[in-house]
């Protein structure tokens, strides 16, 4: 082990082994707990948990390496556009990672449902909002008791709802507001994403033109016998999801 002066201290010489007469007594001490093992025993984790931990670790390391290389290239470049591009790419990479964490815990444990929704909304905004747009976000979560499967379904649908609101409802708007509401009801979940943007197209324009975002919402809800809908209420566009108890 290095010492403060930087000199490596010599390894201690091995001590003589115990006499044969001492072995039963020392074993008894270990059984009695007087000599605890160096690593306390613990149950082996499930293989899926280990796989997820390793995936998180590998993904975080890879993205960190990409960001380091990106800034190395930007610092070597003389054009100011290179630094601006590096900043924009870093923002979008970090937002993509944060969205993946909020949805799936890709590089870190996702945390509480309200925190996941808030982080999800904030980073969807950061990834998709136009430069100079001022879009505020409000998240309300009540009665979060529900199954993890319903939570994940609601988060995945919320991501699509938020993206649609920013890309379509708030397109070319300088200012806007998003409100995400989650409520647990008798073991099920109710999700509402509201925006004060332009509003959905007329019903006749929707027919036959449903995009991938809406298709994903409906399919994700159908996995849990839920339903998704879109309406306009008092100046708000409201995207809704209702998931029954499992």
Foldseek 3Di string as FASTA:
>chain_A
DADPVRDDDDDDDDDDDDDPVCVVVVVVCVVVPVDDDPDDDDDDDDPVVVVQQVQLVVVVVVLVVVLVVLVVVLVPDDDPVSVVVSVLVVLQSVLVVQLCCLQPNRNHPNDDLQSSLVSNLVSLCSNQADPQAAEEEAEEEEAPDADPLQSNLLSVLSNLVSNCCRVPFCPPPRYKYWYWYWYDDPRWIKIKIKILGDEDDDPVVCPPPDDPSVVSNQVSQVVQPKHWDWDDDPRIIIIIIIGDHD
